[in-house]
Protein backbone atom coordinates (compact mmCIF):
# COMPACT_ATOMS: atom_id res chain seq x y z
CA MET A 1 -155.77 -162.07 32.94
CA ARG A 2 -153.73 -164.60 34.75
CA VAL A 3 -150.25 -164.37 33.57
CA LEU A 4 -147.50 -167.07 35.03
CA ILE A 5 -143.98 -166.03 34.36
CA LEU A 6 -141.51 -168.61 34.60
CA GLY A 7 -138.15 -167.40 35.40
CA GLY A 8 -139.92 -164.37 37.00
CA ASP A 9 -136.98 -163.65 39.35
CA GLY A 10 -134.07 -163.02 36.15
CA TYR A 11 -132.89 -159.98 34.28
CA LEU A 12 -136.19 -159.82 32.34
CA GLY A 13 -138.35 -162.05 34.25
CA TRP A 14 -138.63 -159.48 37.24
CA PRO A 15 -139.14 -156.31 35.54
CA GLN A 16 -141.63 -158.04 33.14
CA ALA A 17 -143.88 -159.17 36.43
CA LEU A 18 -143.50 -155.78 37.63
CA TYR A 19 -145.06 -154.51 34.19
CA LEU A 20 -147.97 -156.39 33.93
CA SER A 21 -148.80 -156.51 37.48
CA GLN A 22 -148.68 -152.47 37.66
CA LYS A 23 -150.97 -152.95 34.07
CA GLY A 24 -153.30 -154.80 36.34
CA TYR A 25 -152.72 -158.40 35.33
CA GLU A 26 -152.88 -161.18 38.35
CA VAL A 27 -149.19 -162.55 38.04
CA ALA A 28 -147.08 -165.00 39.64
CA VAL A 29 -143.37 -165.99 39.12
CA PHE A 30 -142.04 -169.50 38.93
CA ASP A 31 -138.12 -169.60 39.68
CA ASN A 32 -135.48 -172.03 40.94
CA GLN A 33 -132.91 -169.16 41.74
CA ALA A 34 -130.22 -171.03 39.65
CA ARG A 35 -128.93 -167.56 38.45
CA ARG A 36 -128.40 -167.04 42.30
CA HIS A 37 -126.88 -170.48 42.75
CA PHE A 38 -124.11 -169.62 40.13
CA ASP A 39 -123.24 -166.84 41.88
CA LEU A 40 -122.61 -167.89 44.89
CA LYS A 41 -120.73 -170.77 43.29
CA GLN A 42 -118.28 -168.96 40.99
CA GLY A 43 -118.11 -165.25 43.33
CA PHE A 44 -120.20 -163.33 40.31
CA ASP A 45 -122.47 -160.39 41.52
CA SER A 46 -124.96 -158.03 39.83
CA LEU A 47 -123.46 -154.83 39.73
CA ILE A 48 -126.69 -153.33 41.01
CA PRO A 49 -127.35 -155.07 44.49
CA ILE A 50 -130.57 -156.63 44.54
CA GLN A 51 -132.91 -158.23 46.87
CA THR A 52 -134.66 -161.99 47.27
CA VAL A 53 -137.37 -162.46 45.45
CA HIS A 54 -139.42 -162.42 48.44
CA GLN A 55 -138.27 -159.33 49.76
CA ARG A 56 -138.85 -157.71 46.22
CA ILE A 57 -142.29 -158.78 46.26
CA GLU A 58 -143.08 -157.69 49.77
CA SER A 59 -141.44 -154.06 48.91
CA TRP A 60 -143.85 -154.37 45.53
CA LYS A 61 -146.72 -154.75 47.46
CA ALA A 62 -145.91 -152.10 49.98
CA ILE A 63 -145.31 -149.93 47.07
CA THR A 64 -148.18 -150.49 45.33
CA GLY A 65 -150.77 -152.32 46.81
CA LYS A 66 -150.47 -155.10 44.27
CA THR A 67 -149.82 -158.52 44.92
CA ILE A 68 -147.31 -161.10 42.99
CA HIS A 69 -147.90 -164.56 43.72
CA ALA A 70 -144.87 -166.51 44.20
CA TYR A 71 -144.01 -170.26 43.29
CA HIS A 72 -140.32 -172.50 43.85
CA GLY A 73 -139.64 -174.54 41.35
CA ASP A 74 -137.63 -175.70 38.45
CA THR A 75 -139.49 -176.55 35.33
CA THR A 76 -137.82 -179.95 34.98
CA ASP A 77 -139.43 -180.85 38.19
CA TRP A 78 -142.40 -182.13 37.23
CA PRO A 79 -144.39 -182.10 40.22
CA ALA A 80 -143.32 -178.45 41.02
CA LEU A 81 -144.47 -177.20 37.72
CA SER A 82 -147.77 -179.07 37.78
CA ARG A 83 -148.81 -177.88 41.56
CA ALA A 84 -148.36 -173.95 39.74
CA PHE A 85 -150.40 -174.69 36.71
CA GLN A 86 -153.02 -176.41 38.63
CA GLU A 87 -153.16 -173.72 41.37
CA PHE A 88 -153.03 -170.68 39.53
CA GLN A 89 -154.69 -171.63 36.28
CA PRO A 90 -152.65 -169.13 34.10
CA GLU A 91 -154.48 -167.86 30.51
CA ALA A 92 -150.74 -166.83 29.25
CA VAL A 93 -147.51 -168.77 30.11
CA VAL A 94 -144.73 -166.11 29.69
CA HIS A 95 -141.79 -168.45 29.43
CA PHE A 96 -138.17 -167.12 30.71
CA ALA A 97 -137.11 -169.94 32.71
CA GLU A 98 -134.13 -171.20 30.76
CA GLN A 99 -130.15 -171.72 31.24
CA ARG A 100 -129.21 -168.70 29.45
CA ALA A 101 -125.96 -167.26 28.17
CA ALA A 102 -123.87 -169.10 24.95
CA PRO A 103 -120.57 -168.76 27.03
CA TYR A 104 -122.26 -170.54 29.77
CA SER A 105 -122.80 -173.71 27.35
CA MET A 106 -119.52 -173.97 25.92
CA ILE A 107 -117.42 -173.78 29.19
CA ASP A 108 -117.68 -177.33 29.13
CA ARG A 109 -119.44 -180.83 28.82
CA GLU A 110 -121.08 -180.69 32.02
CA HIS A 111 -122.59 -176.81 31.20
CA ALA A 112 -123.66 -178.28 27.57
CA VAL A 113 -125.27 -180.94 28.92
CA HIS A 114 -126.79 -179.03 31.81
CA THR A 115 -127.78 -176.14 29.25
CA GLN A 116 -130.05 -178.39 26.73
CA TYR A 117 -131.50 -180.80 29.50
CA THR A 118 -132.64 -177.60 31.59
CA ASN A 119 -133.88 -175.91 28.56
CA VAL A 120 -135.14 -178.61 26.24
CA ILE A 121 -137.08 -180.85 29.10
CA GLY A 122 -137.80 -177.77 30.93
CA THR A 123 -139.58 -176.88 27.94
CA LEU A 124 -141.17 -180.10 27.02
CA ASN A 125 -142.82 -180.14 30.80
CA VAL A 126 -144.03 -176.60 30.24
CA LEU A 127 -146.22 -177.78 26.98
CA TYR A 128 -147.35 -180.81 29.03
CA ALA A 129 -148.43 -178.62 31.77
CA ILE A 130 -150.32 -176.48 29.26
CA LYS A 131 -151.89 -179.38 27.64
CA ASP A 132 -152.92 -181.40 31.05
CA TYR A 133 -154.25 -178.30 33.02
CA THR A 134 -154.47 -174.88 30.61
CA PRO A 135 -155.09 -176.10 27.04
CA SER A 136 -156.41 -173.03 26.29
CA ALA A 137 -153.59 -170.89 27.76
CA HIS A 138 -151.12 -168.79 25.48
CA LEU A 139 -147.57 -169.52 25.84
CA VAL A 140 -145.27 -166.73 25.19
CA LYS A 141 -141.74 -168.09 24.78
CA LEU A 142 -138.87 -166.11 24.83
CA GLY A 143 -136.57 -167.55 21.81
CA THR A 144 -133.31 -165.80 20.33
CA MET A 145 -132.27 -164.27 17.15
CA GLY A 146 -129.38 -166.13 17.84
CA GLU A 147 -131.43 -169.31 16.37
CA TYR A 148 -130.61 -167.84 12.63
CA GLY A 149 -127.36 -167.21 12.63
CA THR A 150 -125.78 -164.66 10.48
CA PRO A 151 -127.05 -165.96 6.45
CA ASN A 152 -126.25 -164.28 3.40
CA ILE A 153 -130.44 -163.64 2.77
CA ASP A 154 -132.16 -161.37 4.54
CA ILE A 155 -133.79 -162.60 7.97
CA GLU A 156 -137.53 -163.47 7.95
CA GLU A 157 -140.01 -163.14 11.07
CA GLY A 158 -139.94 -167.38 11.48
CA PHE A 159 -140.73 -168.44 7.68
CA ILE A 160 -139.59 -168.26 4.61
CA GLU A 161 -141.23 -169.18 1.72
CA ILE A 162 -139.07 -171.83 -0.82
CA GLU A 163 -139.52 -172.20 -4.60
CA HIS A 164 -138.05 -175.88 -5.63
CA LYS A 165 -138.21 -177.67 -8.18
CA GLY A 166 -141.42 -175.95 -9.32
CA ARG A 167 -143.26 -176.43 -6.22
CA LYS A 168 -143.58 -173.67 -3.46
CA ASP A 169 -143.94 -173.96 0.29
CA THR A 170 -144.06 -171.72 3.53
CA LEU A 171 -141.47 -173.11 5.85
CA PRO A 172 -139.74 -172.37 9.05
CA PHE A 173 -136.56 -170.25 8.07
CA PRO A 174 -133.09 -172.52 7.95
CA LYS A 175 -131.61 -172.41 11.68
CA GLN A 176 -127.91 -171.71 12.05
CA PRO A 177 -127.28 -171.64 16.12
CA GLY A 178 -123.74 -170.30 16.83
CA SER A 179 -123.82 -172.41 20.67
CA PHE A 180 -125.03 -175.15 22.40
CA TYR A 181 -127.41 -172.59 24.15
CA HIS A 182 -128.92 -171.62 20.98
CA LEU A 183 -129.32 -174.78 19.67
CA SER A 184 -131.76 -175.92 22.88
CA LYS A 185 -133.60 -172.61 21.63
CA VAL A 186 -133.84 -174.48 17.97
CA HIS A 187 -135.16 -177.82 20.05
CA ASP A 188 -137.37 -175.50 21.59
CA SER A 189 -138.91 -174.06 19.00
CA HIS A 190 -139.42 -177.41 17.18
CA ASN A 191 -141.24 -178.87 19.77
CA ILE A 192 -143.65 -176.28 20.69
CA HIS A 193 -144.44 -175.42 16.88
CA PHE A 194 -144.91 -179.53 16.86
CA CYS A 195 -146.93 -179.46 19.69
CA CYS A 196 -149.22 -176.33 18.49
CA ARG A 197 -149.49 -178.77 15.29
CA VAL A 198 -151.03 -182.08 16.82
CA TRP A 199 -152.76 -180.44 20.18
CA GLY A 200 -154.19 -177.72 19.06
CA LEU A 201 -151.94 -175.11 21.26
CA ARG A 202 -151.49 -171.39 20.86
CA SER A 203 -148.12 -170.16 21.33
CA THR A 204 -145.79 -166.97 20.28
CA ASP A 205 -141.95 -167.46 19.95
CA LEU A 206 -140.14 -164.12 20.51
CA ASN A 207 -137.02 -164.07 18.72
CA GLN A 208 -135.20 -161.73 20.73
CA GLY A 209 -131.94 -159.53 19.97
CA VAL A 210 -129.67 -158.77 22.67
CA VAL A 211 -131.20 -156.43 25.54
CA TYR A 212 -129.39 -153.98 27.26
CA GLY A 213 -130.75 -151.65 29.95
CA ALA A 214 -130.50 -151.12 33.61
CA ASP A 215 -134.19 -150.45 34.21
CA THR A 216 -137.85 -149.89 33.72
CA ASP A 217 -140.60 -147.49 35.42
CA GLU A 218 -141.38 -150.16 37.65
CA THR A 219 -137.99 -151.06 38.89
CA LEU A 220 -137.14 -147.30 39.67
CA LEU A 221 -139.87 -147.15 42.08
CA ALA A 222 -137.56 -148.17 44.48
CA PRO A 223 -133.94 -149.48 44.96
CA GLU A 224 -135.75 -152.66 46.59
CA LEU A 225 -137.21 -153.27 42.97
CA ALA A 226 -134.04 -153.25 40.80
CA THR A 227 -133.23 -155.93 38.41
CA ARG A 228 -129.86 -157.65 38.35
CA PHE A 229 -127.37 -155.94 35.81
CA ASP A 230 -124.16 -157.83 34.72
CA TYR A 231 -120.71 -157.58 33.35
CA ASP A 232 -119.09 -160.56 33.38
CA GLN A 233 -117.76 -162.07 30.50
CA ILE A 234 -120.46 -165.47 30.81
CA TYR A 235 -123.57 -163.48 31.17
CA GLY A 236 -122.92 -159.44 30.60
CA THR A 237 -124.10 -158.40 26.84
CA ALA A 238 -121.98 -156.12 25.18
CA LEU A 239 -123.41 -153.05 25.66
CA ASN A 240 -124.18 -153.47 28.95
CA ARG A 241 -120.67 -154.98 29.42
CA PHE A 242 -118.86 -151.74 27.69
CA CYS A 243 -120.55 -149.15 29.94
CA ILE A 244 -119.50 -151.32 32.82
CA GLN A 245 -115.85 -151.28 31.53
CA SER A 246 -115.67 -147.95 30.32
CA ALA A 247 -116.57 -146.76 34.00
CA VAL A 248 -114.08 -148.65 35.94
CA GLY A 249 -111.10 -147.63 32.93
CA TYR A 250 -111.42 -151.53 31.74
CA PRO A 251 -110.49 -151.15 28.24
CA LEU A 252 -113.34 -152.15 25.84
CA THR A 253 -113.13 -155.79 25.12
CA VAL A 254 -113.52 -156.28 21.29
CA TYR A 255 -113.52 -159.60 20.29
CA GLY A 256 -112.00 -160.05 16.99
CA ARG A 257 -112.24 -157.65 13.95
CA GLY A 258 -115.75 -156.57 15.76
CA GLY A 259 -118.13 -156.41 12.70
CA GLN A 260 -120.35 -159.17 14.40
CA THR A 261 -123.71 -157.62 13.84
CA ARG A 262 -126.68 -158.59 16.01
CA GLY A 263 -130.09 -157.47 17.07
CA TYR A 264 -130.48 -155.42 19.91
CA ILE A 265 -133.63 -154.20 22.10
CA HIS A 266 -134.01 -151.68 25.09
CA VAL A 267 -135.46 -153.57 28.70
CA ARG A 268 -138.34 -151.44 28.35
CA ASP A 269 -139.44 -152.90 24.93
CA THR A 270 -139.14 -156.16 25.92
CA VAL A 271 -141.50 -156.21 28.78
CA ARG A 272 -143.85 -154.37 26.35
CA CYS A 273 -143.41 -156.75 23.47
CA ILE A 274 -144.38 -159.31 25.59
CA GLU A 275 -147.56 -157.63 26.88
CA LEU A 276 -148.38 -156.62 22.90
CA ALA A 277 -147.82 -160.61 22.21
CA ILE A 278 -150.67 -161.39 25.06
CA GLN A 279 -152.92 -159.49 23.92
CA SER A 280 -152.96 -160.30 20.41
CA GLU A 281 -153.62 -164.30 20.88
CA PRO A 282 -153.24 -166.30 18.35
CA LYS A 283 -155.86 -168.88 17.69
CA ALA A 284 -155.91 -172.40 18.93
CA GLY A 285 -152.76 -174.46 16.85
CA GLU A 286 -151.31 -171.38 15.88
CA PHE A 287 -147.62 -171.15 16.14
CA ARG A 288 -146.40 -167.10 15.43
CA VAL A 289 -142.90 -166.04 15.22
CA PHE A 290 -141.78 -162.04 15.91
CA ASN A 291 -138.01 -161.02 15.62
CA GLN A 292 -138.02 -158.99 18.83
CA ILE A 293 -135.30 -156.28 17.93
CA THR A 294 -135.38 -152.60 17.29
CA GLU A 295 -132.09 -151.73 15.46
CA TRP A 296 -129.01 -153.65 14.68
CA PHE A 297 -125.36 -153.01 15.23
CA SER A 298 -121.78 -154.25 14.92
CA VAL A 299 -119.38 -154.79 18.30
CA ASN A 300 -117.84 -151.74 16.71
CA ASP A 301 -120.21 -149.57 16.45
CA LEU A 302 -121.29 -150.11 20.32
CA ALA A 303 -117.91 -149.89 21.41
CA GLN A 304 -117.06 -146.70 19.22
CA ARG A 305 -120.21 -144.96 20.30
CA VAL A 306 -119.58 -145.74 24.14
CA GLN A 307 -115.86 -144.71 23.67
CA ARG A 308 -117.06 -141.65 22.09
CA VAL A 309 -119.79 -140.80 25.01
CA GLY A 310 -117.27 -142.03 27.66
CA ASN A 311 -114.65 -139.48 26.70
CA ALA A 312 -117.01 -136.94 26.53
CA MET A 313 -118.04 -137.53 29.85
CA GLY A 314 -114.10 -136.89 30.74
CA LEU A 315 -113.34 -140.96 31.22
CA ASN A 316 -109.92 -142.01 29.36
CA VAL A 317 -112.15 -145.43 27.63
CA GLN A 318 -109.77 -147.05 25.27
CA LEU A 319 -110.37 -150.09 23.16
CA GLN A 320 -108.64 -153.76 23.13
CA GLN A 321 -109.25 -156.05 20.57
CA LEU A 322 -108.64 -159.45 21.76
CA SER A 323 -108.44 -163.04 19.86
CA ASN A 324 -112.07 -163.86 19.03
CA PRO A 325 -112.94 -166.88 21.95
CA ARG A 326 -115.94 -167.89 19.64
CA VAL A 327 -116.35 -169.57 16.26
CA GLU A 328 -118.53 -166.80 14.19
CA LEU A 329 -118.44 -164.66 11.08
CA GLU A 330 -116.97 -161.35 11.76
CA GLU A 331 -117.91 -159.58 8.90
CA HIS A 332 -121.12 -160.57 7.23
CA TYR A 333 -124.48 -159.05 5.86
CA TYR A 334 -127.15 -158.68 8.30
CA ASN A 335 -130.92 -157.62 7.55
CA VAL A 336 -133.78 -158.63 9.87
CA VAL A 337 -137.60 -158.47 8.92
CA HIS A 338 -139.17 -156.82 12.22
CA THR A 339 -142.21 -155.75 11.46
CA LYS A 340 -144.95 -157.66 13.34
CA LEU A 341 -144.61 -156.10 16.51
CA LEU A 342 -144.49 -153.09 15.39
CA ASP A 343 -147.67 -152.98 13.62
CA LEU A 344 -148.84 -154.68 16.93
CA GLY A 345 -147.92 -150.84 18.56
CA LEU A 346 -144.78 -151.29 19.91
CA GLN A 347 -143.49 -147.73 19.86
CA PRO A 348 -139.28 -148.29 20.36
CA HIS A 349 -136.82 -146.69 22.75
CA LEU A 350 -134.17 -146.38 20.23
CA LEU A 351 -130.30 -146.28 21.37
CA ASN A 352 -128.99 -142.19 21.89
CA ASP A 353 -125.98 -141.13 23.61
CA ALA A 354 -127.99 -140.48 26.48
CA GLU A 355 -128.75 -143.71 27.37
CA VAL A 356 -125.30 -144.69 26.80
CA GLU A 357 -124.45 -141.78 29.37
CA HIS A 358 -127.09 -143.05 31.70
CA LEU A 359 -125.71 -146.96 31.61
CA ILE A 360 -122.30 -145.31 31.87
CA ASN A 361 -123.83 -143.23 35.44
CA VAL A 362 -125.34 -146.43 36.66
CA ALA A 363 -122.29 -148.20 36.61
CA ILE A 364 -120.02 -145.23 37.72
CA GLN A 365 -122.80 -145.06 40.89
CA HIS A 366 -121.81 -148.69 41.43
CA ARG A 367 -118.48 -149.40 40.37
CA ASP A 368 -116.93 -150.40 43.75
CA ARG A 369 -118.89 -153.58 43.05
CA VAL A 370 -117.21 -154.66 39.85
CA ASN A 371 -114.23 -157.28 39.86
CA PRO A 372 -112.35 -156.54 37.00
CA ARG A 373 -111.03 -160.07 36.75
CA LEU A 374 -114.44 -161.57 35.85
CA ILE A 375 -114.49 -159.48 32.67
CA ALA A 376 -112.01 -160.73 30.16
CA PRO A 377 -112.82 -163.91 28.26
CA THR A 378 -112.50 -167.30 29.44
CA VAL A 379 -113.91 -169.44 27.46
CA ASN A 380 -113.02 -170.67 24.51
CA TRP A 381 -115.58 -172.11 21.95
CA ARG A 382 -112.44 -174.10 20.16
CA GLU A 383 -111.49 -176.19 23.37
CA THR A 384 -112.90 -179.56 24.85
CA GLU A 385 -112.84 -178.81 28.31
CA ASN A 386 -112.60 -174.78 29.69
CA GLN A 387 -112.86 -173.10 33.30
CA VAL A 388 -114.71 -170.14 34.43
CA ALA A 389 -111.34 -168.83 35.75
CA GLN A 390 -110.19 -165.66 36.96
CA THR A 391 -108.09 -163.61 34.88
CA PRO A 392 -105.39 -160.71 35.33
CA GLU A 393 -106.25 -157.15 34.23
CA PRO A 394 -105.47 -156.64 30.84
CA THR A 395 -102.84 -153.97 29.45
CA PRO A 396 -104.96 -150.86 28.53
CA ALA A 397 -104.52 -150.86 24.38
CA THR A 398 -105.54 -147.47 22.29
């Protein structure tokens, strides 16, 4: 099967390309290098050194003999996107190509507009490209559990049966997104659902939780194949960030009371979930939603686990409770239905102390690349204009 991976140079897109290529799929990646440009502009960098996309592809071919095709472009650039579709003729399209990160979208007006324009308009272009050039292709779209928010009821997989005034219907689960980024994902979901209904497209929306992990079997084949690993306050997710902070003696940054609970998934399970979605193609006109998580934790759960494992390794890991820069419930009910991928055969890699120790060791190996001034949060949801600023190191707290 020919699979086009939009955003194939990213933290998830690159290991996904390797995984599918190794499995025998014909893979092409489409990427505009936006994440790399942000690093250059702001002075950010991946903890683990990464090669350019062309170097990565050359290394992959040298190691495995397998070819990954590359297209440079932006999903908001219709000529570039349509060229990739016309030339490659994908049978499945994996859509990672969005401006990610809630903090990025909340920096200021410019970043909010950029996030929504890139994601909503880009996804509309993808839908039109499928309709015009590959109408039978299966769109596998990376959504987010953040679309749901934290309702005081169980979170179903995309849809919920409602009874109102004596009548019943099955409707999309209510959405309560917590940032302009998550709002853009909600808009995407509605647009994709609409296009499945009116054009007969087929799509699987994967509402993914927070991803952790530094590597997959394929990225470990050679250092040149490594995927990026973020620790900064914009792109670094909680568990990855905590492990890196513990390695460099930086207090673990717990926002607010730390009861905020989210779904989590290892990057190895992410790449498998995408394949499971591709293999179980929906029928024409069908819009499926899978909740792509394996378990859930509060911020305190993760911080305390990292502290315990880090201290057992001889590190002096401390916690620091910070005023929460986000507007969110800090204590809440959280229970997620996530059976559809398990039914398709997913065998989860659940979080254990060995994985935490591995992540900390990866961070220790590369700790000379950590800039501590990029860790403390500077983006505040309550402000109208923010700057991505470097901040001084904190005073450690117990």
